[in-house]
Amino acid sequence: MGALRTFFKDTIIYGLATVLPRLMNFILVPLHTGTLETTSYSDNTTFYIYAAFFNVLLTYGMETAFFRFFSKSEDKDKVFSTALISLSATAILFFAVVFKFNDTLASLVNLHLNYFNLLLGVLVLDTLVVAPFAYLRATGKPVKFALIKLSNIGLYVLLNFFFLWAIPQFGIPFLDYDSTDLVKYIFIANLMASVVTLLLLLPYFLKTKLQFDPLIFKQLLGYGWPIMVAGLAYVVNENFDKWLLPEMLGKAINGAYSGCYKIAVFMTIFIQGFRLGAEPFFFNHSKEINAKRTYALIMDYFVIFGSFMLVFIVAYLDFFKQLLVKDESYWIAIDIVPVVLLANLCLGVYFNLAIWYKLTDKTRYGMYLSVAGALITIVFNYVMIPKIGFMASAWATLAAYGVMMLLSYFWGQKHYPVPYNITKLGFFLILAIGLSVLSLHTHGNYYLNTIFVLVFLGIAFFSEKDQIKQLLKR
C-alpha cells in the first residue's frame, strides 16, 4: 500500500498540473467558439493537428526511452545529457531545414505561411523542453513540474483574452492588429508562452555537464523509435477525423465537431494526469515483489474513476454544452460526446495495459497496436462518413481504441501476465455504459440523472470500501 500511496500522491500533483491547465483551457473554449466562426475554429484545429504530428516526430520516442534507461542506469546524468543533446540538436537542425523551404512546405500542408512559421517556432521550442520536463518527472519533482506547466498555460490563456477579447472590447492599440484574422493571435499566444517555458527551464541546459554517449543514444533510439511510430499512429487515431471532415463535409461541420469534441476533454484530462504519474512510477517499481499486484489495483481504481466520469458527464451533458460551447451552431455535433468519452476511457485502459511491452522492452508491440488502430480509424472514416456523416468519426475512434485495448490485454497476458480483475473491470464498464444510456434517454432530467450518478457512486463505494480503508490507514 505504501507504493500505492506514492503513486496516488504523485498522480494527484501531476493530475493538477494537467487538470488546472485544461480547466484554464476550458475558459478558452467559450472564448474561441464565441469569437471564431466554425470555419476559423476548423483552421485552429488543423494547426494543432500538425503540431501534434510533428511533436511526435521531433521527440522520436525519446521521453519514454529516457524513463526506461534513467530508472536503471548508474550514470543518470549521462543519460539525461545524451537525451538533452540529441533532442536539442535535431530540433535546431529541423528548424534550419524547414525554415529554408517554408513557402513550399506551408503550401504542402495547406497552411497560411504566417501560421506555418508560428507552428515551426512552437514545435522547436516545445521540443527543447522535453528532456528537462522528463528529468523533473523522473527525479520526483512534480511540484516544480506543475508550477512551470501552470505558468505556461496561464500566460497562454491571458494572452488569448488579451488578443481576442480585451483589444476588440476596449480598442487597445496593438501594432498592426488584424480583427479579420483573430485565429492568428491564438498561435502567437502559444509561441510566447513556449518562449517563457524555455526560459524557466534554461537552468537545466546551463548547469548540466554536457556529455554525449553514443552507446546510450543507440539504446535510447532503439527503444524509442517504435514508440515514435506508435505515437504517429496515435495522432492519426486522435486527429484523422478532424483532418478528413473538412475535405468531405466542409469546414463548418468540422468546426462544430471539433468544438463539441472539447467537452470530452474531461476524460482526456484524467487520462493525461494518470499517465504523467504512472509512467515513471511503473518503471521505478517494476522490481518490487508485489509490482504486478500493484499494477492490477491501479487498473481497478482507474476504471472505476473513469467509468464514474463517463456517467457524470453524460448525465449533465446539457449543462456542459451550454457552459463550454455557447454558440448553438456548434450543437449539431453534440451526439458525438458520449461515444468519444467511452472511446477515451478505452484509450486510458490501453495506456494502463501498455506497461507490459514497455517493461519487457517489446515496444514494437506498441507500434503494432497503434498502427492497427490507425488503420481502423482511416478505413472506418473513409467508408462510413459518406453514409452516416460526422458520427462515423466518433464511432471510428471507439472502434480503434476498443480493439487496441483488447489486443493489448491478450498479448500482455502472454508476455507479462498481470492479475487484472477482469470481472470487476467488466462490471463497472457495463454499469457505466448502461447508466449513461439511461441518462441519454432521460435527456435534460437532472433529477433522474443525479440518481443514476448516485447509484454508480454507491455501488463503487460498497465494492471498494475495504481497499479504501486499508489505503487510508497506511
Protein backbone atom coordinates (compact mmCIF):
# COMPACT_ATOMS: atom_id res chain seq x y z
CA MET A 1 0.00 0.00 0.00
CA GLY A 2 2.99 2.32 0.52
CA ALA A 3 3.77 2.18 -3.19
CA LEU A 4 0.13 2.92 -3.99
CA ARG A 5 0.14 5.96 -1.73
CA THR A 6 3.27 7.25 -3.50
CA PHE A 7 1.60 6.67 -6.84
CA PHE A 8 -1.59 8.48 -5.84
CA LYS A 9 0.34 11.40 -4.34
CA ASP A 10 2.43 11.93 -7.46
CA THR A 11 -0.52 11.33 -9.75
CA ILE A 12 -2.62 13.92 -7.89
CA ILE A 13 0.13 16.52 -8.33
CA TYR A 14 0.71 15.60 -11.96
CA GLY A 15 -3.04 15.48 -12.39
CA LEU A 16 -3.33 19.02 -11.08
CA ALA A 17 -0.57 20.02 -13.49
CA THR A 18 -2.80 18.63 -16.22
CA VAL A 19 -6.24 19.41 -14.83
CA LEU A 20 -5.64 23.07 -13.95
CA PRO A 21 -4.19 23.94 -17.38
CA ARG A 22 -7.06 22.11 -19.05
CA LEU A 23 -9.55 23.90 -16.84
CA MET A 24 -7.91 27.14 -17.88
CA ASN A 25 -8.23 25.94 -21.44
CA PHE A 26 -11.92 25.37 -20.83
CA ILE A 27 -12.21 29.08 -20.27
CA LEU A 28 -10.91 29.45 -23.82
CA VAL A 29 -13.50 27.15 -25.40
CA PRO A 30 -16.35 29.67 -24.94
CA LEU A 31 -13.98 32.48 -25.95
CA HIS A 32 -12.87 30.71 -29.13
CA THR A 33 -16.28 29.39 -30.12
CA GLY A 34 -17.78 32.79 -29.32
CA THR A 35 -15.30 34.86 -31.36
CA LEU A 36 -14.39 32.44 -34.16
CA GLU A 37 -16.75 31.17 -36.83
CA THR A 38 -16.86 27.41 -37.24
CA THR A 39 -14.60 27.71 -40.31
CA SER A 40 -11.93 29.60 -38.35
CA TYR A 41 -12.24 27.13 -35.49
CA SER A 42 -11.54 24.44 -38.06
CA ASP A 43 -8.29 26.27 -39.02
CA ASN A 44 -7.34 26.37 -35.34
CA THR A 45 -7.93 22.62 -35.09
CA THR A 46 -5.85 21.94 -38.22
CA PHE A 47 -2.92 23.94 -36.78
CA TYR A 48 -2.82 21.75 -33.68
CA ILE A 49 -3.21 18.54 -35.67
CA TYR A 50 0.07 19.32 -37.41
CA ALA A 51 1.60 20.41 -34.10
CA ALA A 52 0.75 17.03 -32.58
CA PHE A 53 2.09 15.13 -35.60
CA PHE A 54 5.44 16.94 -35.73
CA ASN A 55 5.85 16.87 -31.95
CA VAL A 56 5.89 13.08 -32.13
CA LEU A 57 8.40 13.13 -34.98
CA LEU A 58 10.71 15.58 -33.24
CA THR A 59 10.79 13.68 -29.94
CA TYR A 60 11.08 10.23 -31.65
CA GLY A 61 10.10 8.27 -28.52
CA MET A 62 12.93 9.78 -26.50
CA GLU A 63 10.79 10.72 -23.50
CA THR A 64 9.61 7.18 -22.72
CA ALA A 65 13.06 5.78 -23.58
CA PHE A 66 14.57 8.27 -21.14
CA PHE A 67 12.37 6.97 -18.28
CA ARG A 68 13.29 3.39 -19.10
CA PHE A 69 17.07 3.88 -19.07
CA PHE A 70 17.22 6.63 -16.46
CA SER A 71 15.50 4.40 -13.89
CA LYS A 72 18.03 1.56 -14.27
CA SER A 73 21.24 3.45 -15.17
CA GLU A 74 24.03 4.06 -12.67
CA ASP A 75 25.15 7.18 -14.53
CA LYS A 76 21.83 9.02 -14.68
CA ASP A 77 23.41 12.38 -15.54
CA LYS A 78 24.89 10.93 -18.71
CA VAL A 79 21.50 9.54 -19.77
CA PHE A 80 19.91 12.96 -19.25
CA SER A 81 22.71 14.80 -21.05
CA THR A 82 22.60 12.43 -24.02
CA ALA A 83 18.84 12.83 -24.36
CA LEU A 84 19.09 16.61 -23.97
CA ILE A 85 21.81 16.97 -26.61
CA SER A 86 20.12 14.67 -29.14
CA LEU A 87 16.71 16.36 -28.86
CA SER A 88 18.21 19.85 -28.99
CA ALA A 89 20.42 19.07 -31.98
CA THR A 90 17.63 17.51 -34.05
CA ALA A 91 15.22 20.35 -33.17
CA ILE A 92 17.69 23.00 -34.31
CA LEU A 93 18.51 21.07 -37.49
CA PHE A 94 14.79 20.66 -38.19
CA PHE A 95 14.25 24.40 -37.80
CA ALA A 96 17.13 25.27 -40.16
CA VAL A 97 15.99 22.89 -42.92
CA VAL A 98 12.25 23.57 -42.70
CA PHE A 99 12.58 27.34 -42.48
CA LYS A 100 14.65 27.33 -45.67
CA PHE A 101 11.75 25.67 -47.54
CA ASN A 102 8.88 27.16 -45.53
CA ASP A 103 6.99 28.51 -48.57
CA THR A 104 6.82 25.12 -50.26
CA LEU A 105 6.06 23.20 -47.07
CA ALA A 106 3.33 25.62 -45.99
CA SER A 107 1.56 25.07 -49.30
CA LEU A 108 2.02 21.32 -48.96
CA VAL A 109 0.23 21.18 -45.60
CA ASN A 110 -2.34 23.77 -46.70
CA LEU A 111 -1.45 26.34 -44.04
CA HIS A 112 -1.05 30.08 -44.45
CA LEU A 113 2.69 30.92 -44.42
CA ASN A 114 2.22 33.07 -41.32
CA TYR A 115 0.57 30.19 -39.47
CA PHE A 116 3.23 27.76 -40.66
CA ASN A 117 6.09 29.93 -39.35
CA LEU A 118 4.37 30.25 -35.98
CA LEU A 119 3.84 26.48 -35.93
CA LEU A 120 7.53 25.94 -36.65
CA GLY A 121 8.54 28.16 -33.75
CA VAL A 122 6.18 26.42 -31.32
CA LEU A 123 7.38 22.99 -32.41
CA VAL A 124 11.07 23.73 -31.88
CA LEU A 125 10.58 25.44 -28.52
CA ASP A 126 8.36 22.65 -27.22
CA THR A 127 10.88 20.01 -28.31
CA LEU A 128 13.73 21.75 -26.49
CA VAL A 129 11.95 21.44 -23.14
CA VAL A 130 11.00 17.75 -23.45
CA ALA A 131 14.16 16.44 -21.73
CA PRO A 132 14.09 18.94 -18.81
CA PHE A 133 10.40 18.17 -18.17
CA ALA A 134 11.11 14.41 -18.28
CA TYR A 135 14.01 14.93 -15.86
CA LEU A 136 11.71 16.66 -13.36
CA ARG A 137 9.29 13.73 -13.52
CA ALA A 138 11.99 11.05 -13.30
CA THR A 139 13.68 12.69 -10.28
CA GLY A 140 10.44 13.10 -8.35
CA LYS A 141 9.91 16.84 -8.63
CA PRO A 142 6.22 17.02 -9.51
CA VAL A 143 5.66 20.39 -7.80
CA LYS A 144 8.25 22.20 -9.91
CA PHE A 145 6.93 20.41 -12.99
CA ALA A 146 3.41 21.54 -12.16
CA LEU A 147 4.36 25.16 -11.49
CA ILE A 148 6.16 25.53 -14.81
CA LYS A 149 3.30 23.87 -16.70
CA LEU A 150 0.83 26.17 -14.99
CA SER A 151 2.95 29.21 -15.85
CA ASN A 152 2.87 28.17 -19.49
CA ILE A 153 -0.87 27.72 -19.74
CA GLY A 154 -1.61 30.73 -17.52
CA LEU A 155 0.29 33.03 -19.86
CA TYR A 156 -1.32 31.39 -22.90
CA VAL A 157 -4.82 31.95 -21.51
CA LEU A 158 -4.14 35.55 -20.52
CA LEU A 159 -2.73 36.35 -23.95
CA ASN A 160 -5.74 34.75 -25.62
CA PHE A 161 -8.06 37.00 -23.65
CA PHE A 162 -5.86 40.00 -24.38
CA PHE A 163 -5.82 39.41 -28.13
CA LEU A 164 -9.34 38.08 -28.69
CA TRP A 165 -11.34 39.97 -26.06
CA ALA A 166 -9.54 42.93 -24.47
CA ILE A 167 -8.23 44.56 -27.66
CA PRO A 168 -11.58 44.45 -29.54
CA GLN A 169 -13.59 45.28 -26.39
CA PHE A 170 -11.58 48.30 -25.26
CA GLY A 171 -9.99 49.36 -28.53
CA ILE A 172 -6.46 48.88 -27.21
CA PRO A 173 -3.92 49.85 -29.88
CA PHE A 174 -1.60 46.94 -30.67
CA LEU A 175 0.84 47.09 -33.59
CA ASP A 176 -0.92 46.06 -36.83
CA TYR A 177 -3.81 44.28 -35.12
CA ASP A 178 -5.97 42.48 -37.68
CA SER A 179 -9.52 41.87 -36.43
CA THR A 180 -10.29 39.83 -39.56
CA ASP A 181 -7.69 37.19 -38.67
CA LEU A 182 -8.23 36.50 -34.99
CA VAL A 183 -7.12 32.86 -35.12
CA LYS A 184 -3.56 34.04 -35.82
CA TYR A 185 -3.36 35.52 -32.33
CA ILE A 186 -4.09 32.16 -30.72
CA PHE A 187 -0.92 30.86 -32.35
CA ILE A 188 1.07 33.95 -31.34
CA ALA A 189 -0.05 33.44 -27.73
CA ASN A 190 1.16 29.84 -27.90
CA LEU A 191 4.55 30.89 -29.22
CA MET A 192 5.03 33.49 -26.49
CA ALA A 193 4.07 31.00 -23.77
CA SER A 194 6.55 28.47 -25.18
CA VAL A 195 9.34 31.06 -25.06
CA VAL A 196 8.68 31.73 -21.36
CA THR A 197 8.65 27.99 -20.59
CA LEU A 198 12.04 27.56 -22.24
CA LEU A 199 13.43 30.44 -20.17
CA LEU A 200 12.14 28.85 -16.95
CA LEU A 201 13.84 25.55 -17.83
CA LEU A 202 17.03 27.15 -19.11
CA PRO A 203 18.98 26.34 -15.89
CA TYR A 204 18.84 22.64 -16.85
CA PHE A 205 20.70 23.48 -20.05
CA LEU A 206 23.27 25.67 -18.31
CA LYS A 207 24.09 23.59 -15.22
CA THR A 208 24.14 20.19 -16.95
CA LYS A 209 27.54 18.73 -17.74
CA LEU A 210 27.15 18.12 -21.46
CA GLN A 211 28.35 14.64 -22.36
CA PHE A 212 27.05 12.67 -25.31
CA ASP A 213 27.36 8.89 -25.07
CA PRO A 214 26.85 7.19 -28.47
CA LEU A 215 26.06 3.85 -26.81
CA ILE A 216 23.35 5.35 -24.61
CA PHE A 217 21.97 7.24 -27.61
CA LYS A 218 21.80 3.99 -29.59
CA GLN A 219 19.92 2.31 -26.73
CA LEU A 220 17.53 5.25 -26.37
CA LEU A 221 16.87 5.33 -30.10
CA GLY A 222 16.43 1.57 -30.36
CA TYR A 223 13.87 1.62 -27.55
CA GLY A 224 12.20 4.83 -28.67
CA TRP A 225 11.65 4.53 -32.42
CA PRO A 226 8.74 2.05 -32.13
CA ILE A 227 7.25 4.45 -29.54
CA MET A 228 7.53 7.18 -32.18
CA VAL A 229 5.71 5.09 -34.78
CA ALA A 230 3.07 4.27 -32.18
CA GLY A 231 2.82 7.97 -31.39
CA LEU A 232 2.30 8.88 -35.02
CA ALA A 233 -0.43 6.24 -35.27
CA TYR A 234 -1.97 7.70 -32.09
CA VAL A 235 -2.03 11.14 -33.72
CA VAL A 236 -3.86 9.57 -36.66
CA ASN A 237 -6.36 7.98 -34.28
CA GLU A 238 -6.94 11.27 -32.48
CA ASN A 239 -6.90 13.67 -35.41
CA PHE A 240 -7.59 11.93 -38.71
CA ASP A 241 -11.29 12.65 -38.34
CA LYS A 242 -10.65 16.39 -37.92
CA TRP A 243 -8.32 16.34 -40.91
CA LEU A 244 -10.76 14.44 -43.16
CA LEU A 245 -14.06 16.07 -42.19
CA PRO A 246 -13.22 19.48 -43.76
CA GLU A 247 -12.49 17.69 -47.02
CA MET A 248 -15.61 15.51 -47.02
CA LEU A 249 -18.22 17.57 -45.15
CA GLY A 250 -16.78 21.09 -45.05
CA LYS A 251 -15.01 23.32 -42.54
CA ALA A 252 -18.24 24.38 -40.82
CA ILE A 253 -19.08 20.77 -39.88
CA ASN A 254 -15.50 20.15 -38.78
CA GLY A 255 -15.58 23.25 -36.60
CA ALA A 256 -18.80 22.11 -34.90
CA TYR A 257 -17.42 18.58 -34.48
CA SER A 258 -14.14 19.87 -33.02
CA GLY A 259 -15.95 22.24 -30.66
CA CYS A 260 -18.20 19.51 -29.23
CA TYR A 261 -15.21 17.14 -29.07
CA LYS A 262 -13.77 19.54 -26.47
CA ILE A 263 -16.48 18.53 -23.98
CA ALA A 264 -14.96 15.04 -23.89
CA VAL A 265 -11.69 16.58 -22.76
CA PHE A 266 -12.65 15.92 -19.13
CA MET A 267 -11.80 12.28 -19.74
CA THR A 268 -8.63 13.27 -21.58
CA ILE A 269 -7.52 15.34 -18.58
CA PHE A 270 -7.95 12.37 -16.28
CA ILE A 271 -6.00 10.09 -18.63
CA GLN A 272 -3.15 12.56 -19.10
CA GLY A 273 -2.84 13.17 -15.37
CA PHE A 274 -2.74 9.41 -14.84
CA ARG A 275 -0.06 8.91 -17.49
CA LEU A 276 2.20 11.63 -16.10
CA GLY A 277 2.24 9.97 -12.70
CA ALA A 278 2.03 6.36 -13.83
CA GLU A 279 4.82 6.07 -16.39
CA PRO A 280 7.78 6.89 -14.12
CA PHE A 281 6.07 5.04 -11.23
CA PHE A 282 5.67 1.84 -13.23
CA PHE A 283 9.34 1.85 -14.25
CA ASN A 284 10.65 2.74 -10.80
CA HIS A 285 8.61 0.00 -9.05
CA SER A 286 8.98 -2.76 -11.65
CA LYS A 287 11.43 -4.70 -9.46
CA GLU A 288 9.19 -4.72 -6.40
CA ILE A 289 7.91 -8.15 -5.31
CA ASN A 290 4.27 -7.12 -5.50
CA ALA A 291 4.63 -4.92 -8.58
CA LYS A 292 2.10 -6.81 -10.70
CA ARG A 293 -0.46 -6.82 -7.91
CA THR A 294 0.03 -3.07 -7.55
CA TYR A 295 -0.50 -2.57 -11.29
CA ALA A 296 -3.74 -4.56 -11.09
CA LEU A 297 -5.02 -2.44 -8.18
CA ILE A 298 -4.19 0.75 -10.05
CA MET A 299 -6.19 -0.55 -13.00
CA ASP A 300 -9.18 -1.16 -10.70
CA TYR A 301 -9.14 2.42 -9.45
CA PHE A 302 -8.55 3.81 -12.91
CA VAL A 303 -11.52 2.02 -14.46
CA ILE A 304 -13.85 2.84 -11.56
CA PHE A 305 -12.99 6.53 -11.59
CA GLY A 306 -13.02 6.73 -15.40
CA SER A 307 -16.40 4.98 -15.52
CA PHE A 308 -17.76 7.44 -12.97
CA MET A 309 -16.60 10.32 -15.15
CA LEU A 310 -18.42 8.81 -18.13
CA VAL A 311 -21.68 8.58 -16.17
CA PHE A 312 -21.29 12.06 -14.64
CA ILE A 313 -20.54 13.93 -17.88
CA VAL A 314 -23.29 12.20 -19.85
CA ALA A 315 -25.78 12.82 -17.02
CA TYR A 316 -25.11 16.58 -17.14
CA LEU A 317 -24.29 16.88 -20.83
CA ASP A 318 -26.78 19.70 -21.41
CA PHE A 319 -25.12 21.73 -18.68
CA PHE A 320 -21.62 21.17 -20.07
CA LYS A 321 -22.56 22.05 -23.63
CA GLN A 322 -24.12 25.35 -22.51
CA LEU A 323 -21.13 26.09 -20.29
CA LEU A 324 -18.41 25.34 -22.83
CA VAL A 325 -19.93 25.69 -26.30
CA LYS A 326 -22.39 28.56 -26.06
CA ASP A 327 -22.83 29.09 -29.79
CA GLU A 328 -25.75 26.85 -30.77
CA SER A 329 -24.41 26.45 -34.31
CA TYR A 330 -21.87 24.03 -32.80
CA TRP A 331 -24.50 21.84 -31.13
CA ILE A 332 -25.32 19.89 -34.27
CA ALA A 333 -22.43 17.60 -33.29
CA ILE A 334 -23.30 17.14 -29.60
CA ASP A 335 -24.23 13.46 -30.08
CA ILE A 336 -20.57 12.56 -30.53
CA VAL A 337 -19.72 13.31 -26.88
CA PRO A 338 -20.86 10.04 -25.16
CA VAL A 339 -19.17 7.95 -27.85
CA VAL A 340 -15.91 9.92 -27.65
CA LEU A 341 -15.96 9.73 -23.84
CA LEU A 342 -16.21 5.94 -23.95
CA ALA A 343 -13.51 5.82 -26.63
CA ASN A 344 -11.15 7.82 -24.43
CA LEU A 345 -11.89 5.59 -21.45
CA CYS A 346 -10.84 2.60 -23.60
CA LEU A 347 -7.71 4.52 -24.54
CA GLY A 348 -6.93 5.10 -20.86
CA VAL A 349 -7.26 1.38 -20.15
CA TYR A 350 -4.96 0.73 -23.10
CA PHE A 351 -2.34 3.11 -21.68
CA ASN A 352 -2.56 1.28 -18.37
CA LEU A 353 -2.15 -2.09 -20.08
CA ALA A 354 0.74 -0.81 -22.20
CA ILE A 355 3.16 -1.22 -19.31
CA TRP A 356 3.72 -4.85 -20.35
CA TYR A 357 5.54 -4.03 -23.57
CA LYS A 358 7.43 -1.12 -22.04
CA LEU A 359 8.77 -3.16 -19.11
CA THR A 360 9.70 -6.13 -21.31
CA ASP A 361 11.38 -3.87 -23.91
CA LYS A 362 8.95 -5.10 -26.58
CA THR A 363 7.98 -1.62 -27.70
CA ARG A 364 7.42 -2.86 -31.24
CA TYR A 365 4.12 -4.31 -29.98
CA GLY A 366 3.01 -0.81 -29.05
CA MET A 367 3.77 0.14 -32.63
CA TYR A 368 1.74 -2.80 -33.98
CA LEU A 369 -1.23 -1.95 -31.75
CA SER A 370 -1.24 1.74 -32.65
CA VAL A 371 -0.88 1.03 -36.37
CA ALA A 372 -3.81 -1.40 -36.15
CA GLY A 373 -5.87 1.34 -34.51
CA ALA A 374 -4.84 3.84 -37.15
CA LEU A 375 -5.87 1.51 -39.96
CA ILE A 376 -9.29 1.03 -38.34
CA THR A 377 -9.63 4.81 -38.00
CA ILE A 378 -8.73 5.51 -41.62
CA VAL A 379 -10.85 2.77 -43.21
CA PHE A 380 -13.89 3.36 -40.97
CA ASN A 381 -13.87 7.11 -41.63
CA TYR A 382 -13.50 6.79 -45.39
CA VAL A 383 -16.21 4.15 -45.67
CA MET A 384 -18.76 5.43 -43.14
CA ILE A 385 -18.62 9.26 -43.30
CA PRO A 386 -20.49 9.29 -46.65
CA LYS A 387 -23.14 7.04 -45.07
CA ILE A 388 -23.72 8.43 -41.56
CA GLY A 389 -21.84 11.74 -41.55
CA PHE A 390 -19.65 13.02 -38.72
CA MET A 391 -20.94 10.37 -36.26
CA ALA A 392 -18.81 7.91 -38.21
CA SER A 393 -15.70 9.64 -36.89
CA ALA A 394 -16.79 9.22 -33.28
CA TRP A 395 -17.60 5.53 -33.78
CA ALA A 396 -14.29 5.04 -35.60
CA THR A 397 -12.45 6.40 -32.56
CA LEU A 398 -14.29 4.00 -30.27
CA ALA A 399 -13.66 1.04 -32.58
CA ALA A 400 -9.94 1.83 -32.85
CA TYR A 401 -9.33 2.27 -29.12
CA GLY A 402 -11.56 -0.67 -28.21
CA VAL A 403 -9.63 -3.03 -30.47
CA MET A 404 -6.27 -1.68 -29.23
CA MET A 405 -7.37 -2.22 -25.62
CA LEU A 406 -8.47 -5.82 -26.19
CA LEU A 407 -5.42 -6.81 -28.25
CA SER A 408 -3.07 -5.27 -25.69
CA TYR A 409 -4.71 -7.22 -22.88
CA PHE A 410 -4.46 -10.60 -24.62
CA TRP A 411 -0.87 -10.07 -25.81
CA GLY A 412 0.14 -8.67 -22.45
CA GLN A 413 -1.12 -11.72 -20.57
CA LYS A 414 1.17 -13.87 -22.70
CA HIS A 415 4.33 -11.80 -22.27
CA TYR A 416 3.87 -10.12 -18.87
CA PRO A 417 0.81 -11.50 -17.06
CA VAL A 418 -0.77 -9.11 -14.57
CA PRO A 419 -3.64 -10.40 -12.37
CA TYR A 420 -6.25 -7.89 -13.50
CA ASN A 421 -9.72 -8.45 -12.04
CA ILE A 422 -11.50 -8.71 -15.38
CA THR A 423 -14.85 -9.50 -13.78
CA LYS A 424 -14.79 -6.31 -11.72
CA LEU A 425 -13.48 -4.17 -14.57
CA GLY A 426 -16.08 -5.51 -16.97
CA PHE A 427 -18.86 -4.98 -14.42
CA PHE A 428 -18.04 -1.30 -13.88
CA LEU A 429 -17.65 -0.62 -17.59
CA ILE A 430 -21.02 -2.23 -18.37
CA LEU A 431 -22.62 -0.44 -15.42
CA ALA A 432 -21.29 2.92 -16.63
CA ILE A 433 -22.44 2.32 -20.19
CA GLY A 434 -25.89 1.23 -19.03
CA LEU A 435 -26.39 4.26 -16.75
CA SER A 436 -25.11 6.58 -19.49
CA VAL A 437 -27.64 5.16 -21.97
CA LEU A 438 -30.40 5.72 -19.42
CA SER A 439 -29.22 9.31 -18.94
CA LEU A 440 -29.42 9.92 -22.67
CA HIS A 441 -32.98 8.64 -22.71
CA THR A 442 -33.95 10.95 -19.81
CA HIS A 443 -32.47 13.89 -21.69
CA GLY A 444 -32.34 17.02 -19.52
CA ASN A 445 -33.99 15.40 -16.46
CA TYR A 446 -31.34 16.29 -13.88
CA TYR A 447 -33.26 14.66 -11.01
CA LEU A 448 -33.27 11.22 -12.58
CA ASN A 449 -29.75 11.62 -13.94
CA THR A 450 -28.48 12.57 -10.48
CA ILE A 451 -29.99 9.33 -9.17
CA PHE A 452 -28.02 7.42 -11.84
CA VAL A 453 -24.80 9.12 -10.72
CA LEU A 454 -25.51 8.32 -7.05
CA VAL A 455 -26.29 4.69 -7.91
CA PHE A 456 -22.88 4.33 -9.52
CA LEU A 457 -21.13 6.01 -6.57
CA GLY A 458 -22.98 3.80 -4.07
CA ILE A 459 -22.07 0.58 -5.87
CA ALA A 460 -18.44 1.69 -6.24
CA PHE A 461 -18.16 2.62 -2.57
CA PHE A 462 -19.56 -0.66 -1.23
CA SER A 463 -17.40 -2.61 -3.68
CA GLU A 464 -14.17 -0.87 -2.68
CA LYS A 465 -14.73 0.25 0.91
CA ASP A 466 -12.30 -2.31 2.40
CA GLN A 467 -9.50 -1.31 0.00
CA ILE A 468 -10.15 2.36 0.67
CA LYS A 469 -9.95 1.83 4.44
CA GLN A 470 -6.63 -0.03 4.11
CA LEU A 471 -5.22 2.69 1.91
CA LEU A 472 -6.25 5.46 4.30
CA LYS A 473 -4.93 3.62 7.39
CA ARG A 474 -1.45 3.44 5.91
